[in-house]
Amino acid sequence: MARKVNVGTWFEIYVGDMDRAKKFYGTVLNEEMIDMELPDGSEEDMKMVSFPWVEGAPNASGALVKSDSVQPGAGGTLVYFTCEDCKVEESRVEKAGGKIVQAKFPIGEHGHCSICMDTEGNVFGLHSMK
C-alpha cells in the first residue's frame, strides 16, 4: 500500500517549567511559540504551547506540555526539527541554556544532524540537508 502522508502527525515535549522551555525553543528555533487553549476536560493545571505550523504543509507540528501526570527527561521520545543548516540552530542552544550532546554530524545522503538537550533535560535533534 502506497502511503500518501507521513506517519508522524504530532509530538509533545513534556516540561517542568513552561516559561523557561517556551523561551528556550523560541530562541533556538528563532520562532514564535503559540499558547494553546486547552479543551474541556483537560487537567486543571495543564499548559500547552504549540510550535508554529503551516496549515496543509508536509511534516508534523507539536507542543510543549506541562502536566502533573507526565514528567520531562532524557530517554523518551527524540524529536527532530527541520533546519536549513542545523549548525545555525545548534549555535543558539547553549546561549539559550541548553547543551549540545553531539555537534553537527553527517548522516550520508540524508544530510546532517545535531543532538541537543533543552533546559528541561529533554534530548532533541536538529536535521538539515546541508
C-alpha atoms as a PDB file:
ATOM      1  CA  MET A   1       0.000   0.000   0.000  1.00  0.00           C
ATOM      2  CA  ALA A   2       1.469   3.377  -1.007  1.00  0.00           C
ATOM      3  CA  ARG A   3       1.405   5.900   1.812  1.00  0.00           C
ATOM      4  CA  LYS A   4       0.057   9.373   0.970  1.00  0.00           C
ATOM      5  CA  VAL A   5       1.118  11.171   4.148  1.00  0.00           C
ATOM      6  CA  ASN A   6       3.994  10.972   6.619  1.00  0.00           C
ATOM      7  CA  VAL A   7       3.483   8.663   9.593  1.00  0.00           C
ATOM      8  CA  GLY A   8       4.345  11.385  12.085  1.00  0.00           C
ATOM      9  CA  THR A   9       1.490  13.711  12.850  1.00  0.00           C
ATOM     10  CA  TRP A  10       2.126  15.332  16.249  1.00  0.00           C
ATOM     11  CA  PHE A  11       4.661  15.358  19.038  1.00  0.00           C
ATOM     12  CA  GLU A  12       4.673  16.518  22.635  1.00  0.00           C
ATOM     13  CA  ILE A  13       7.707  17.527  24.688  1.00  0.00           C
ATOM     14  CA  TYR A  14       6.988  17.390  28.408  1.00  0.00           C
ATOM     15  CA  VAL A  15       8.413  20.215  30.508  1.00  0.00           C
ATOM     16  CA  GLY A  16       8.687  21.216  34.169  1.00  0.00           C
ATOM     17  CA  ASP A  17       8.957  24.985  33.639  1.00  0.00           C
ATOM     18  CA  MET A  18       6.796  26.165  30.722  1.00  0.00           C
ATOM     19  CA  ASP A  19       8.118  29.735  30.591  1.00  0.00           C
ATOM     20  CA  ARG A  20      11.728  28.553  30.516  1.00  0.00           C
ATOM     21  CA  ALA A  21      11.023  25.870  27.870  1.00  0.00           C
ATOM     22  CA  LYS A  22       8.982  28.263  25.710  1.00  0.00           C
ATOM     23  CA  LYS A  23      11.829  30.798  25.756  1.00  0.00           C
ATOM     24  CA  PHE A  24      14.433  28.101  25.022  1.00  0.00           C
ATOM     25  CA  TYR A  25      12.693  26.672  21.929  1.00  0.00           C
ATOM     26  CA  GLY A  26      11.657  30.115  20.681  1.00  0.00           C
ATOM     27  CA  THR A  27      15.291  31.247  20.911  1.00  0.00           C
ATOM     28  CA  VAL A  28      16.925  28.136  19.403  1.00  0.00           C
ATOM     29  CA  LEU A  29      14.454  27.782  16.506  1.00  0.00           C
ATOM     30  CA  ASN A  30      14.030  31.566  16.087  1.00  0.00           C
ATOM     31  CA  GLU A  31      10.259  31.036  16.020  1.00  0.00           C
ATOM     32  CA  GLU A  32       7.323  32.385  17.995  1.00  0.00           C
ATOM     33  CA  MET A  33       5.761  29.763  20.255  1.00  0.00           C
ATOM     34  CA  ILE A  34       1.947  29.832  20.427  1.00  0.00           C
ATOM     35  CA  ASP A  35      -0.070  29.493  23.662  1.00  0.00           C
ATOM     36  CA  MET A  36      -2.815  26.900  23.165  1.00  0.00           C
ATOM     37  CA  GLU A  37      -6.338  26.871  24.517  1.00  0.00           C
ATOM     38  CA  LEU A  38      -6.994  23.552  26.228  1.00  0.00           C
ATOM     39  CA  PRO A  39     -10.142  21.530  25.540  1.00  0.00           C
ATOM     40  CA  ASP A  40     -12.753  20.971  28.236  1.00  0.00           C
ATOM     41  CA  GLY A  41     -11.853  18.050  30.474  1.00  0.00           C
ATOM     42  CA  SER A  42      -8.105  18.763  30.441  1.00  0.00           C
ATOM     43  CA  GLU A  43      -6.114  18.604  33.651  1.00  0.00           C
ATOM     44  CA  GLU A  44      -6.760  21.720  35.716  1.00  0.00           C
ATOM     45  CA  ASP A  45      -3.091  22.775  35.861  1.00  0.00           C
ATOM     46  CA  MET A  46      -2.090  21.536  32.388  1.00  0.00           C
ATOM     47  CA  LYS A  47      -0.464  24.026  29.977  1.00  0.00           C
ATOM     48  CA  MET A  48       0.358  23.626  26.283  1.00  0.00           C
ATOM     49  CA  VAL A  49       2.383  25.827  23.943  1.00  0.00           C
ATOM     50  CA  SER A  50       2.435  24.928  20.248  1.00  0.00           C
ATOM     51  CA  PHE A  51       5.323  25.039  17.843  1.00  0.00           C
ATOM     52  CA  PRO A  52       4.420  27.086  14.741  1.00  0.00           C
ATOM     53  CA  TRP A  53       2.820  25.247  11.838  1.00  0.00           C
ATOM     54  CA  VAL A  54       1.710  25.815   8.262  1.00  0.00           C
ATOM     55  CA  GLU A  55      -1.798  24.525   7.583  1.00  0.00           C
ATOM     56  CA  GLY A  56      -1.768  21.793   4.934  1.00  0.00           C
ATOM     57  CA  ALA A  57       2.031  21.662   4.627  1.00  0.00           C
ATOM     58  CA  PRO A  58       4.033  18.415   4.950  1.00  0.00           C
ATOM     59  CA  ASN A  59       5.654  17.257   8.193  1.00  0.00           C
ATOM     60  CA  ALA A  60       4.294  17.424  11.721  1.00  0.00           C
ATOM     61  CA  SER A  61       3.881  20.010  14.419  1.00  0.00           C
ATOM     62  CA  GLY A  62       3.614  19.584  18.149  1.00  0.00           C
ATOM     63  CA  ALA A  63       3.610  21.247  21.529  1.00  0.00           C
ATOM     64  CA  LEU A  64       5.393  21.734  24.802  1.00  0.00           C
ATOM     65  CA  VAL A  65       3.223  20.231  27.556  1.00  0.00           C
ATOM     66  CA  LYS A  66       3.306  20.859  31.308  1.00  0.00           C
ATOM     67  CA  SER A  67       1.358  18.164  33.117  1.00  0.00           C
ATOM     68  CA  ASP A  68       1.465  16.618  36.583  1.00  0.00           C
ATOM     69  CA  SER A  69       0.832  13.201  35.041  1.00  0.00           C
ATOM     70  CA  VAL A  70       3.942  13.101  32.781  1.00  0.00           C
ATOM     71  CA  GLN A  71       7.425  14.301  33.744  1.00  0.00           C
ATOM     72  CA  PRO A  72      10.173  15.525  31.372  1.00  0.00           C
ATOM     73  CA  GLY A  73      13.551  13.890  30.962  1.00  0.00           C
ATOM     74  CA  ALA A  74      16.029  12.116  28.733  1.00  0.00           C
ATOM     75  CA  GLY A  75      15.362   8.660  27.342  1.00  0.00           C
ATOM     76  CA  GLY A  76      11.895   9.334  25.972  1.00  0.00           C
ATOM     77  CA  THR A  77      10.907  10.492  22.527  1.00  0.00           C
ATOM     78  CA  LEU A  78      13.544  12.051  20.274  1.00  0.00           C
ATOM     79  CA  VAL A  79      12.054  14.787  18.136  1.00  0.00           C
ATOM     80  CA  TYR A  80      13.929  16.145  15.105  1.00  0.00           C
ATOM     81  CA  PHE A  81      13.366  19.729  13.950  1.00  0.00           C
ATOM     82  CA  THR A  82      13.921  20.553  10.271  1.00  0.00           C
ATOM     83  CA  CYS A  83      16.501  23.299   9.659  1.00  0.00           C
ATOM     84  CA  GLU A  84      18.167  24.825   6.628  1.00  0.00           C
ATOM     85  CA  ASP A  85      21.559  24.259   8.303  1.00  0.00           C
ATOM     86  CA  CYS A  86      21.378  22.627  11.742  1.00  0.00           C
ATOM     87  CA  LYS A  87      24.683  24.293  12.724  1.00  0.00           C
ATOM     88  CA  VAL A  88      22.802  27.632  12.900  1.00  0.00           C
ATOM     89  CA  GLU A  89      20.197  26.404  15.422  1.00  0.00           C
ATOM     90  CA  GLU A  90      22.870  24.391  17.250  1.00  0.00           C
ATOM     91  CA  SER A  91      24.834  27.633  17.767  1.00  0.00           C
ATOM     92  CA  ARG A  92      21.906  29.039  19.778  1.00  0.00           C
ATOM     93  CA  VAL A  93      21.443  26.062  22.133  1.00  0.00           C
ATOM     94  CA  GLU A  94      23.999  26.855  24.854  1.00  0.00           C
ATOM     95  CA  LYS A  95      23.195  30.587  24.775  1.00  0.00           C
ATOM     96  CA  ALA A  96      19.555  29.640  25.447  1.00  0.00           C
ATOM     97  CA  GLY A  97      20.524  27.457  28.443  1.00  0.00           C
ATOM     98  CA  GLY A  98      20.709  24.015  26.793  1.00  0.00           C
ATOM     99  CA  LYS A  99      23.564  21.651  25.963  1.00  0.00           C
ATOM    100  CA  ILE A 100      24.973  20.183  22.768  1.00  0.00           C
ATOM    101  CA  VAL A 101      25.054  16.400  23.139  1.00  0.00           C
ATOM    102  CA  GLN A 102      26.533  15.711  19.689  1.00  0.00           C
ATOM    103  CA  ALA A 103      27.607  18.546  17.390  1.00  0.00           C
ATOM    104  CA  LYS A 104      26.565  18.561  13.727  1.00  0.00           C
ATOM    105  CA  PHE A 105      27.483  15.296  12.028  1.00  0.00           C
ATOM    106  CA  PRO A 106      26.821  13.807   8.569  1.00  0.00           C
ATOM    107  CA  ILE A 107      24.244  11.068   8.000  1.00  0.00           C
ATOM    108  CA  GLY A 108      25.233  10.231   4.420  1.00  0.00           C
ATOM    109  CA  GLU A 109      22.763  11.035   1.663  1.00  0.00           C
ATOM    110  CA  HIS A 110      20.201  12.104   4.303  1.00  0.00           C
ATOM    111  CA  GLY A 111      22.066  15.270   5.297  1.00  0.00           C
ATOM    112  CA  HIS A 112      23.250  16.245   8.771  1.00  0.00           C
ATOM    113  CA  CYS A 113      22.044  16.167  12.383  1.00  0.00           C
ATOM    114  CA  SER A 114      22.851  17.709  15.740  1.00  0.00           C
ATOM    115  CA  ILE A 115      21.691  16.196  19.028  1.00  0.00           C
ATOM    116  CA  CYS A 116      20.963  18.657  21.838  1.00  0.00           C
ATOM    117  CA  MET A 117      19.421  18.858  25.316  1.00  0.00           C
ATOM    118  CA  ASP A 118      16.880  21.507  26.306  1.00  0.00           C
ATOM    119  CA  THR A 119      16.529  23.321  29.629  1.00  0.00           C
ATOM    120  CA  GLU A 120      14.164  20.590  30.896  1.00  0.00           C
ATOM    121  CA  GLY A 121      16.547  17.659  30.293  1.00  0.00           C
ATOM    122  CA  ASN A 122      14.817  16.514  27.069  1.00  0.00           C
ATOM    123  CA  VAL A 123      17.077  15.394  24.218  1.00  0.00           C
ATOM    124  CA  PHE A 124      16.091  16.556  20.708  1.00  0.00           C
ATOM    125  CA  GLY A 125      17.579  16.528  17.227  1.00  0.00           C
ATOM    126  CA  LEU A 126      18.150  19.127  14.544  1.00  0.00           C
ATOM    127  CA  HIS A 127      18.174  17.943  10.904  1.00  0.00           C
ATOM    128  CA  SER A 128      19.264  19.658   7.688  1.00  0.00           C
ATOM    129  CA  MET A 129      20.241  18.580   4.212  1.00  0.00           C
ATOM    130  CA  LYS A 130      23.373  20.780   4.212  1.00  0.00           C
END
